[in-house]
């Protein structure tokens, strides 16, 4: 499943699991590069989702009340 099909929460959980694997040394060296690339994609997705949400909220909050 690509990060585009995941919600922010799902992406964050997956990223946290990858980080735990990295910190614990649970990853085989042959998978390390693949997992780092996956983590990078998830980070990029989460940052973009946060930026978009912030922009939407700013537009909503900047609108004058009717």
Protein backbone atom coordinates (compact mmCIF):
# COMPACT_ATOMS: atom_id res chain seq x y z
CA UNK A 1 0.00 0.00 0.00
CA UNK A 2 1.46 3.37 -0.93
CA UNK A 3 1.42 6.29 1.46
CA UNK A 4 -1.13 8.01 -0.82
CA UNK A 5 -3.71 5.40 0.20
CA UNK A 6 -3.13 5.87 3.91
CA UNK A 7 -4.60 8.43 6.24
CA UNK A 8 -2.33 10.72 8.21
CA UNK A 9 -2.87 8.61 11.34
CA UNK A 10 -2.11 5.36 9.52
CA UNK A 11 1.00 6.89 7.98
CA UNK A 12 2.19 8.15 11.34
CA UNK A 13 1.68 4.73 12.96
CA UNK A 14 3.58 3.05 10.14
CA UNK A 15 6.38 5.60 10.46
CA UNK A 16 6.56 5.04 14.22
CA UNK A 17 6.79 1.27 13.66
CA UNK A 18 9.62 1.75 11.14
CA UNK A 19 11.43 4.04 13.56
CA UNK A 20 11.12 1.47 16.32
CA UNK A 21 12.57 -1.22 14.03
CA UNK A 22 15.47 1.06 13.16
CA UNK A 23 16.14 1.98 16.79
CA UNK A 24 15.98 -1.63 17.96
CA UNK A 25 18.22 -2.88 15.17
CA UNK A 26 15.46 -5.28 14.08
CA UNK A 27 16.02 -4.62 10.38
CA UNK A 28 18.14 -6.81 8.22
CA UNK A 29 20.84 -4.80 6.45
CA UNK A 30 19.39 -5.89 3.09
CA UNK A 31 16.08 -4.18 3.97
CA UNK A 32 17.55 -1.06 5.53
CA UNK A 33 17.68 1.00 2.35
CA UNK A 34 14.14 0.03 1.38
CA UNK A 35 12.77 0.88 4.82
CA UNK A 36 14.58 4.23 4.92
CA UNK A 37 13.08 5.10 1.51
CA UNK A 38 9.65 4.08 2.79
CA UNK A 39 10.08 6.20 5.90
CA UNK A 40 11.18 9.17 3.77
CA UNK A 41 8.04 8.86 1.65
CA UNK A 42 5.84 8.67 4.74
CA UNK A 43 7.51 11.75 6.24
CA UNK A 44 7.00 13.65 2.99
CA UNK A 45 3.34 12.61 2.89
CA UNK A 46 2.73 13.62 6.52
CA UNK A 47 4.41 17.01 6.06
CA UNK A 48 2.35 17.71 2.95
CA UNK A 49 -0.86 16.68 4.72
CA UNK A 50 -0.04 19.02 7.62
CA UNK A 51 0.75 21.91 5.25
CA UNK A 52 -2.50 21.41 3.35
CA UNK A 53 -4.54 21.18 6.53
CA UNK A 54 -2.91 24.32 7.90
CA UNK A 55 -3.66 26.21 4.67
CA UNK A 56 -7.30 25.07 4.72
CA UNK A 57 -7.71 26.12 8.34
CA UNK A 58 -6.14 29.51 7.68
CA UNK A 59 -8.54 30.10 4.79
CA UNK A 60 -11.47 29.08 6.95
CA UNK A 61 -10.41 31.21 9.90
CA UNK A 62 -9.58 34.24 7.73
CA UNK A 63 -13.06 34.36 6.16
CA UNK A 64 -15.21 37.10 7.61
CA UNK A 65 -18.34 35.92 9.38
CA UNK A 66 -21.60 36.31 7.46
